Amino acid sequence: MSVLSELNVGESGVLVGLDLPESVQNHLMHMGFVPDALVTVLLRAPAGDPTVYGVDGMEIALRRETAAAIRVRAAEAEDLEDNEDAYLPERIEAAQ
């Protein structure tokens, strides 16, 4: 298990938990950051912060300190297959 901020561009993780204040958790959950959601790193700013993540068909920029409080596990092949809107390499390239 790791945290979202440790993933590199192009890598995906499955959301395990949010270690954030309840108001922030609720906001992120409304945008698709729910348990078992597949989250893909799409683009990182040149200075490393913020980073754009793809989740549930949306692209969301998060600061490193927020992403460091989001626990994820490694995405396996079946996680990627189950998500019809998994961010394909061409989407990642387009974001860059």
C-alpha atoms as a PDB file:
ATOM      1  CA  MET A   1       0.000   0.000   0.000  1.00  0.00           C
ATOM      2  CA  SER A   2       1.191   3.521  -0.741  1.00  0.00           C
ATOM      3  CA  VAL A   3      -0.167   7.045  -1.108  1.00  0.00           C
ATOM      4  CA  LEU A   4      -1.366   8.742  -4.265  1.00  0.00           C
ATOM      5  CA  SER A   5       1.453  11.302  -4.300  1.00  0.00           C
ATOM      6  CA  GLU A   6       4.033   8.493  -4.700  1.00  0.00           C
ATOM      7  CA  LEU A   7       2.653   7.286  -8.050  1.00  0.00           C
ATOM      8  CA  ASN A   8       4.405   8.384 -11.245  1.00  0.00           C
ATOM      9  CA  VAL A   9       2.731   9.787 -14.347  1.00  0.00           C
ATOM     10  CA  GLY A  10       0.990   6.945 -16.165  1.00  0.00           C
ATOM     11  CA  GLU A  11       0.620   4.765 -13.068  1.00  0.00           C
ATOM     12  CA  SER A  12      -2.714   3.838 -11.535  1.00  0.00           C
ATOM     13  CA  GLY A  13      -3.822   2.896  -8.057  1.00  0.00           C
ATOM     14  CA  VAL A  14      -7.022   1.731  -6.439  1.00  0.00           C
ATOM     15  CA  LEU A  15      -8.281   4.030  -3.700  1.00  0.00           C
ATOM     16  CA  VAL A  16      -8.225   2.475  -0.232  1.00  0.00           C
ATOM     17  CA  GLY A  17      -8.900   5.438   2.063  1.00  0.00           C
ATOM     18  CA  LEU A  18      -8.791   9.168   2.633  1.00  0.00           C
ATOM     19  CA  ASP A  19      -6.897  10.471   5.668  1.00  0.00           C
ATOM     20  CA  LEU A  20      -8.274  13.995   5.381  1.00  0.00           C
ATOM     21  CA  PRO A  21     -10.693  16.241   7.294  1.00  0.00           C
ATOM     22  CA  GLU A  22     -14.313  15.221   6.780  1.00  0.00           C
ATOM     23  CA  SER A  23     -15.184  18.296   4.703  1.00  0.00           C
ATOM     24  CA  VAL A  24     -12.334  17.562   2.265  1.00  0.00           C
ATOM     25  CA  GLN A  25     -13.225  13.860   2.187  1.00  0.00           C
ATOM     26  CA  ASN A  26     -16.824  14.668   1.296  1.00  0.00           C
ATOM     27  CA  HIS A  27     -15.749  17.041  -1.459  1.00  0.00           C
ATOM     28  CA  LEU A  28     -13.385  14.481  -2.999  1.00  0.00           C
ATOM     29  CA  MET A  29     -15.909  11.665  -2.668  1.00  0.00           C
ATOM     30  CA  HIS A  30     -18.443  13.704  -4.651  1.00  0.00           C
ATOM     31  CA  MET A  31     -15.834  13.934  -7.416  1.00  0.00           C
ATOM     32  CA  GLY A  32     -15.299  10.165  -7.520  1.00  0.00           C
ATOM     33  CA  PHE A  33     -12.604   9.533  -4.903  1.00  0.00           C
ATOM     34  CA  VAL A  34     -14.468   6.621  -3.331  1.00  0.00           C
ATOM     35  CA  PRO A  35     -13.173   3.255  -2.090  1.00  0.00           C
ATOM     36  CA  ASP A  36     -12.103   0.920  -4.930  1.00  0.00           C
ATOM     37  CA  ALA A  37     -12.040   3.756  -7.503  1.00  0.00           C
ATOM     38  CA  LEU A  38      -9.238   3.541 -10.040  1.00  0.00           C
ATOM     39  CA  VAL A  39      -7.095   6.698  -9.963  1.00  0.00           C
ATOM     40  CA  THR A  40      -4.537   7.400 -12.707  1.00  0.00           C
ATOM     41  CA  VAL A  41      -1.767  10.000 -12.625  1.00  0.00           C
ATOM     42  CA  LEU A  42      -2.146  12.023 -15.833  1.00  0.00           C
ATOM     43  CA  LEU A  43       0.155  15.019 -15.555  1.00  0.00           C
ATOM     44  CA  ARG A  44       2.507  16.583 -13.033  1.00  0.00           C
ATOM     45  CA  ALA A  45       3.401  20.285 -13.075  1.00  0.00           C
ATOM     46  CA  PRO A  46       7.057  21.071 -13.888  1.00  0.00           C
ATOM     47  CA  ALA A  47       7.731  21.997 -10.268  1.00  0.00           C
ATOM     48  CA  GLY A  48       6.003  18.788  -9.135  1.00  0.00           C
ATOM     49  CA  ASP A  49       2.886  20.395  -7.671  1.00  0.00           C
ATOM     50  CA  PRO A  50      -0.035  20.166  -8.428  1.00  0.00           C
ATOM     51  CA  THR A  51      -0.677  16.859 -10.168  1.00  0.00           C
ATOM     52  CA  VAL A  52      -3.636  16.017 -12.394  1.00  0.00           C
ATOM     53  CA  TYR A  53      -5.369  12.721 -11.639  1.00  0.00           C
ATOM     54  CA  GLY A  54      -8.049  10.910 -13.612  1.00  0.00           C
ATOM     55  CA  VAL A  55     -10.882   9.326 -11.650  1.00  0.00           C
ATOM     56  CA  ASP A  56     -14.370   8.289 -12.744  1.00  0.00           C
ATOM     57  CA  GLY A  57     -14.036  10.092 -16.083  1.00  0.00           C
ATOM     58  CA  MET A  58     -12.942  13.369 -14.495  1.00  0.00           C
ATOM     59  CA  GLU A  59      -9.569  15.101 -14.384  1.00  0.00           C
ATOM     60  CA  ILE A  60      -8.792  16.637 -11.016  1.00  0.00           C
ATOM     61  CA  ALA A  61      -5.701  18.577  -9.904  1.00  0.00           C
ATOM     62  CA  LEU A  62      -4.570  17.965  -6.336  1.00  0.00           C
ATOM     63  CA  ARG A  63      -1.755  19.453  -4.312  1.00  0.00           C
ATOM     64  CA  ARG A  64       0.929  17.070  -3.089  1.00  0.00           C
ATOM     65  CA  GLU A  65      -0.120  17.420   0.572  1.00  0.00           C
ATOM     66  CA  THR A  66      -3.665  16.332  -0.279  1.00  0.00           C
ATOM     67  CA  ALA A  67      -2.530  13.436  -2.482  1.00  0.00           C
ATOM     68  CA  ALA A  68      -0.181  12.293   0.295  1.00  0.00           C
ATOM     69  CA  ALA A  69      -3.239  11.706   2.503  1.00  0.00           C
ATOM     70  CA  ILE A  70      -4.963   9.409  -0.018  1.00  0.00           C
ATOM     71  CA  ARG A  71      -4.085   5.734   0.449  1.00  0.00           C
ATOM     72  CA  VAL A  72      -3.986   3.528  -2.642  1.00  0.00           C
ATOM     73  CA  ARG A  73      -3.006  -0.021  -3.491  1.00  0.00           C
ATOM     74  CA  ALA A  74      -1.359  -1.126  -6.704  1.00  0.00           C
ATOM     75  CA  ALA A  75      -3.783  -1.498  -9.602  1.00  0.00           C
ATOM     76  CA  GLU A  76      -3.892  -4.992 -11.042  1.00  0.00           C
ATOM     77  CA  ALA A  77      -4.872  -6.003 -14.575  1.00  0.00           C
ATOM     78  CA  GLU A  78      -8.409  -6.842 -13.504  1.00  0.00           C
ATOM     79  CA  ASP A  79      -8.843  -3.357 -11.982  1.00  0.00           C
ATOM     80  CA  LEU A  80      -7.862  -1.796 -15.303  1.00  0.00           C
ATOM     81  CA  GLU A  81     -10.145  -4.128 -17.284  1.00  0.00           C
ATOM     82  CA  ASP A  82     -13.116  -3.429 -15.000  1.00  0.00           C
ATOM     83  CA  ASN A  83     -12.809   0.324 -15.552  1.00  0.00           C
ATOM     84  CA  GLU A  84     -14.080   1.122 -19.024  1.00  0.00           C
ATOM     85  CA  ASP A  85     -12.773   4.694 -18.762  1.00  0.00           C
ATOM     86  CA  ALA A  86      -9.301   3.740 -17.572  1.00  0.00           C
ATOM     87  CA  TYR A  87      -6.940   6.409 -18.783  1.00  0.00           C
ATOM     88  CA  LEU A  88      -5.196   4.920 -21.759  1.00  0.00           C
ATOM     89  CA  PRO A  89      -1.637   5.933 -22.666  1.00  0.00           C
ATOM     90  CA  GLU A  90      -2.902   8.216 -25.442  1.00  0.00           C
ATOM     91  CA  ARG A  91      -4.953  10.219 -22.888  1.00  0.00           C
ATOM     92  CA  ILE A  92      -1.855  10.620 -20.753  1.00  0.00           C
ATOM     93  CA  GLU A  93       0.203  11.712 -23.758  1.00  0.00           C
ATOM     94  CA  ALA A  94      -2.487  14.220 -24.771  1.00  0.00           C
ATOM     95  CA  ALA A  95      -2.435  15.748 -21.285  1.00  0.00           C
ATOM     96  CA  GLN A  96       1.324  16.253 -21.530  1.00  0.00           C
END
